[in-house]
Amino acid sequence: MRAHMMAGREIVVCHTREGVFALDSVCTHAHARLCEGRLRATRLVCPLHGASFDIRDGRVLGPPAEVPLATHQVRVTDGTVEVALSGPAPV
């Protein structure tokens, strides 16, 4: 996992056996930095309260989070990871 700032948003890029995925790096529950959490296969676990998210679609896998994470399209071109941000930054 690596965090990157893009257009004023912190994005976490995750590389797994299933591919490369990009999501907002701020937990929807308590605003913790998810890039400091744990990645277990396709489950991203928040370091603050343990909420977990599916990196493939951003859906919540475990409480206390209730709101899914924004996900972003990713492609790898000549070894470079390119991310297309989706929608405006969350408030």
N, C-alpha and C. Protein backbone atom coordinates (compact mmCIF):
# COMPACT_ATOMS: atom_id res chain seq x y z
N MET A 1 0.84 -1.18 0.00
CA MET A 1 0.00 0.00 0.00
C MET A 1 0.88 1.23 0.00
N ARG A 2 0.42 2.24 -0.73
CA ARG A 2 1.12 3.53 -0.75
C ARG A 2 0.08 4.63 -0.84
N ALA A 3 0.31 5.70 -0.12
CA ALA A 3 -0.58 6.86 -0.18
C ALA A 3 0.02 7.91 -1.10
N HIS A 4 -0.85 8.59 -1.83
CA HIS A 4 -0.45 9.66 -2.74
C HIS A 4 -1.47 10.77 -2.65
N MET A 5 -1.00 12.01 -2.75
CA MET A 5 -1.91 13.16 -2.81
C MET A 5 -2.23 13.43 -4.28
N MET A 6 -3.52 13.53 -4.59
CA MET A 6 -3.98 13.82 -5.95
C MET A 6 -5.12 14.82 -5.86
N ALA A 7 -4.95 15.97 -6.45
CA ALA A 7 -5.99 16.99 -6.48
C ALA A 7 -6.51 17.29 -5.07
N GLY A 8 -5.61 17.35 -4.10
CA GLY A 8 -6.00 17.67 -2.74
C GLY A 8 -6.61 16.52 -1.96
N ARG A 9 -6.58 15.30 -2.50
CA ARG A 9 -7.13 14.12 -1.84
C ARG A 9 -6.02 13.13 -1.60
N GLU A 10 -6.10 12.46 -0.45
CA GLU A 10 -5.15 11.38 -0.21
C GLU A 10 -5.77 10.09 -0.73
N ILE A 11 -5.06 9.44 -1.64
CA ILE A 11 -5.50 8.19 -2.26
C ILE A 11 -4.55 7.09 -1.83
N VAL A 12 -5.09 5.93 -1.49
CA VAL A 12 -4.25 4.78 -1.18
C VAL A 12 -4.32 3.82 -2.36
N VAL A 13 -3.15 3.43 -2.84
CA VAL A 13 -3.05 2.48 -3.95
C VAL A 13 -2.62 1.15 -3.35
N CYS A 14 -3.38 0.10 -3.64
CA CYS A 14 -3.14 -1.23 -3.07
C CYS A 14 -2.82 -2.21 -4.19
N HIS A 15 -1.74 -2.94 -4.04
CA HIS A 15 -1.35 -3.94 -5.01
C HIS A 15 -1.52 -5.31 -4.37
N THR A 16 -2.39 -6.13 -4.95
CA THR A 16 -2.66 -7.46 -4.42
C THR A 16 -2.55 -8.49 -5.54
N ARG A 17 -2.74 -9.74 -5.20
CA ARG A 17 -2.74 -10.79 -6.21
C ARG A 17 -3.86 -10.59 -7.23
N GLU A 18 -4.93 -9.90 -6.81
CA GLU A 18 -6.07 -9.67 -7.70
C GLU A 18 -5.89 -8.45 -8.59
N GLY A 19 -4.85 -7.66 -8.35
CA GLY A 19 -4.61 -6.49 -9.17
C GLY A 19 -4.25 -5.26 -8.36
N VAL A 20 -4.34 -4.11 -9.00
CA VAL A 20 -4.02 -2.83 -8.38
C VAL A 20 -5.33 -2.06 -8.22
N PHE A 21 -5.55 -1.50 -7.03
CA PHE A 21 -6.79 -0.81 -6.72
C PHE A 21 -6.46 0.52 -6.05
N ALA A 22 -7.34 1.51 -6.22
CA ALA A 22 -7.14 2.82 -5.60
C ALA A 22 -8.44 3.26 -4.93
N LEU A 23 -8.29 3.78 -3.70
CA LEU A 23 -9.44 4.24 -2.93
C LEU A 23 -9.05 5.51 -2.18
N ASP A 24 -10.07 6.23 -1.69
CA ASP A 24 -9.77 7.33 -0.79
C ASP A 24 -9.10 6.72 0.44
N SER A 25 -8.12 7.43 0.99
CA SER A 25 -7.35 6.89 2.11
C SER A 25 -7.84 7.38 3.47
N VAL A 26 -9.03 7.98 3.52
CA VAL A 26 -9.56 8.48 4.78
C VAL A 26 -10.78 7.65 5.16
N CYS A 27 -10.74 7.05 6.34
CA CYS A 27 -11.84 6.21 6.80
C CYS A 27 -13.12 7.03 6.91
N THR A 28 -14.22 6.47 6.45
CA THR A 28 -15.50 7.16 6.49
C THR A 28 -16.10 7.18 7.89
N HIS A 29 -15.51 6.45 8.81
CA HIS A 29 -16.02 6.43 10.18
C HIS A 29 -15.41 7.53 11.04
N ALA A 30 -14.08 7.57 11.12
CA ALA A 30 -13.45 8.51 12.06
C ALA A 30 -12.27 9.25 11.44
N HIS A 31 -12.21 9.30 10.14
CA HIS A 31 -11.22 10.10 9.42
C HIS A 31 -9.77 9.69 9.67
N ALA A 32 -9.53 8.43 9.98
CA ALA A 32 -8.16 7.93 10.14
C ALA A 32 -7.56 7.67 8.76
N ARG A 33 -6.24 7.67 8.69
CA ARG A 33 -5.54 7.41 7.42
C ARG A 33 -5.47 5.89 7.20
N LEU A 34 -6.18 5.42 6.20
CA LEU A 34 -6.22 3.98 5.92
C LEU A 34 -4.88 3.44 5.43
N CYS A 35 -4.05 4.30 4.86
CA CYS A 35 -2.74 3.86 4.41
C CYS A 35 -1.86 3.42 5.58
N GLU A 36 -2.27 3.75 6.80
CA GLU A 36 -1.54 3.32 7.99
C GLU A 36 -2.14 2.05 8.59
N GLY A 37 -3.19 1.53 7.95
CA GLY A 37 -3.86 0.33 8.42
C GLY A 37 -3.21 -0.93 7.86
N ARG A 38 -3.99 -2.00 7.82
CA ARG A 38 -3.50 -3.29 7.34
C ARG A 38 -4.27 -3.70 6.09
N LEU A 39 -3.58 -4.36 5.20
CA LEU A 39 -4.20 -4.91 4.00
C LEU A 39 -4.10 -6.42 4.08
N ARG A 40 -5.24 -7.08 4.11
CA ARG A 40 -5.30 -8.54 4.16
C ARG A 40 -6.06 -9.02 2.94
N ALA A 41 -5.33 -9.48 1.93
CA ALA A 41 -5.92 -9.87 0.63
C ALA A 41 -6.62 -8.64 0.05
N THR A 42 -7.96 -8.63 0.01
CA THR A 42 -8.68 -7.48 -0.53
C THR A 42 -9.41 -6.70 0.56
N ARG A 43 -9.07 -6.94 1.82
CA ARG A 43 -9.69 -6.26 2.96
C ARG A 43 -8.71 -5.23 3.51
N LEU A 44 -9.14 -3.97 3.54
CA LEU A 44 -8.35 -2.87 4.09
C LEU A 44 -8.93 -2.54 5.47
N VAL A 45 -8.08 -2.62 6.50
CA VAL A 45 -8.53 -2.44 7.88
C VAL A 45 -8.01 -1.12 8.44
N CYS A 46 -8.92 -0.33 8.97
CA CYS A 46 -8.59 0.97 9.54
C CYS A 46 -7.75 0.80 10.81
N PRO A 47 -6.69 1.60 10.97
CA PRO A 47 -5.83 1.46 12.15
C PRO A 47 -6.45 2.01 13.43
N LEU A 48 -7.51 2.80 13.33
CA LEU A 48 -8.06 3.45 14.52
C LEU A 48 -9.08 2.59 15.25
N HIS A 49 -10.16 2.19 14.57
CA HIS A 49 -11.22 1.42 15.22
C HIS A 49 -11.48 0.07 14.58
N GLY A 50 -10.71 -0.30 13.55
CA GLY A 50 -10.84 -1.62 12.95
C GLY A 50 -11.92 -1.77 11.89
N ALA A 51 -12.53 -0.67 11.45
CA ALA A 51 -13.48 -0.78 10.35
C ALA A 51 -12.75 -1.38 9.15
N SER A 52 -13.47 -2.12 8.32
CA SER A 52 -12.80 -2.71 7.17
C SER A 52 -13.62 -2.52 5.90
N PHE A 53 -12.88 -2.45 4.78
CA PHE A 53 -13.45 -2.14 3.48
C PHE A 53 -12.90 -3.09 2.43
N ASP A 54 -13.70 -3.37 1.41
CA ASP A 54 -13.26 -4.17 0.27
C ASP A 54 -12.58 -3.22 -0.72
N ILE A 55 -11.31 -3.46 -1.02
CA ILE A 55 -10.58 -2.54 -1.90
C ILE A 55 -11.07 -2.59 -3.34
N ARG A 56 -11.80 -3.63 -3.71
CA ARG A 56 -12.28 -3.75 -5.09
C ARG A 56 -13.44 -2.82 -5.40
N ASP A 57 -14.31 -2.58 -4.40
CA ASP A 57 -15.49 -1.74 -4.66
C ASP A 57 -15.77 -0.74 -3.54
N GLY A 58 -14.96 -0.72 -2.50
CA GLY A 58 -15.10 0.25 -1.42
C GLY A 58 -16.16 -0.08 -0.38
N ARG A 59 -16.89 -1.18 -0.57
CA ARG A 59 -17.98 -1.48 0.36
C ARG A 59 -17.45 -1.81 1.75
N VAL A 60 -18.28 -1.53 2.74
CA VAL A 60 -17.94 -1.78 4.13
C VAL A 60 -18.03 -3.28 4.39
N LEU A 61 -16.98 -3.84 4.98
CA LEU A 61 -16.98 -5.26 5.35
C LEU A 61 -17.13 -5.45 6.84
N GLY A 62 -16.80 -4.42 7.62
CA GLY A 62 -16.90 -4.55 9.07
C GLY A 62 -17.07 -3.20 9.74
N PRO A 63 -17.86 -3.17 10.83
CA PRO A 63 -18.11 -1.93 11.55
C PRO A 63 -16.84 -1.45 12.28
N PRO A 64 -16.85 -0.22 12.73
CA PRO A 64 -17.99 0.67 12.92
C PRO A 64 -18.34 1.52 11.70
N ALA A 65 -17.60 1.44 10.61
CA ALA A 65 -17.94 2.23 9.41
C ALA A 65 -19.27 1.76 8.84
N GLU A 66 -20.02 2.70 8.28
CA GLU A 66 -21.28 2.39 7.62
C GLU A 66 -21.30 2.89 6.18
N VAL A 67 -20.44 3.86 5.87
CA VAL A 67 -20.40 4.48 4.54
C VAL A 67 -19.22 3.91 3.75
N PRO A 68 -19.46 3.45 2.53
CA PRO A 68 -18.37 2.89 1.73
C PRO A 68 -17.33 3.95 1.33
N LEU A 69 -16.17 3.49 0.91
CA LEU A 69 -15.11 4.37 0.42
C LEU A 69 -15.28 4.63 -1.06
N ALA A 70 -14.86 5.81 -1.50
CA ALA A 70 -14.83 6.08 -2.93
C ALA A 70 -13.69 5.29 -3.55
N THR A 71 -13.96 4.67 -4.69
CA THR A 71 -12.93 3.94 -5.42
C THR A 71 -12.62 4.69 -6.71
N HIS A 72 -11.46 4.41 -7.27
CA HIS A 72 -11.01 5.12 -8.46
C HIS A 72 -10.48 4.12 -9.48
N GLN A 73 -10.70 4.43 -10.75
CA GLN A 73 -10.23 3.55 -11.82
C GLN A 73 -8.70 3.57 -11.86
N VAL A 74 -8.14 2.40 -12.10
CA VAL A 74 -6.68 2.24 -12.16
C VAL A 74 -6.32 1.50 -13.44
N ARG A 75 -5.20 1.90 -14.03
CA ARG A 75 -4.62 1.12 -15.11
C ARG A 75 -3.10 1.20 -14.96
N VAL A 76 -2.46 0.15 -15.41
CA VAL A 76 -0.99 0.11 -15.37
C VAL A 76 -0.51 0.15 -16.81
N THR A 77 0.27 1.18 -17.13
CA THR A 77 0.79 1.37 -18.48
C THR A 77 2.30 1.44 -18.42
N ASP A 78 2.95 0.49 -19.06
CA ASP A 78 4.42 0.44 -19.07
C ASP A 78 5.01 0.54 -17.66
N GLY A 79 4.38 -0.15 -16.71
CA GLY A 79 4.88 -0.18 -15.33
C GLY A 79 4.49 1.02 -14.49
N THR A 80 3.76 1.97 -15.07
CA THR A 80 3.33 3.15 -14.32
C THR A 80 1.86 2.99 -13.95
N VAL A 81 1.54 3.22 -12.67
CA VAL A 81 0.16 3.14 -12.21
C VAL A 81 -0.52 4.48 -12.45
N GLU A 82 -1.62 4.45 -13.19
CA GLU A 82 -2.39 5.67 -13.48
C GLU A 82 -3.74 5.56 -12.79
N VAL A 83 -4.12 6.64 -12.09
CA VAL A 83 -5.38 6.65 -11.35
C VAL A 83 -6.26 7.77 -11.88
N ALA A 84 -7.52 7.46 -12.18
CA ALA A 84 -8.51 8.46 -12.59
C ALA A 84 -9.44 8.69 -11.41
N LEU A 85 -9.39 9.88 -10.83
CA LEU A 85 -10.24 10.19 -9.70
C LEU A 85 -11.70 10.19 -10.11
N SER A 86 -12.55 9.64 -9.23
CA SER A 86 -13.97 9.61 -9.50
C SER A 86 -14.69 10.56 -8.55
N GLY A 87 -15.42 11.50 -9.11
CA GLY A 87 -16.23 12.40 -8.33
C GLY A 87 -15.44 13.39 -7.48
N PRO A 88 -16.16 14.29 -6.82
CA PRO A 88 -15.52 15.30 -5.97
C PRO A 88 -15.04 14.68 -4.66
N ALA A 89 -14.15 15.37 -3.99
CA ALA A 89 -13.64 14.90 -2.70
C ALA A 89 -14.78 14.89 -1.68
N PRO A 90 -14.80 13.90 -0.79
CA PRO A 90 -15.84 13.87 0.24
C PRO A 90 -15.67 15.05 1.21
N VAL A 91 -16.79 15.46 1.79
CA VAL A 91 -16.75 16.60 2.72
C VAL A 91 -16.47 16.13 4.12
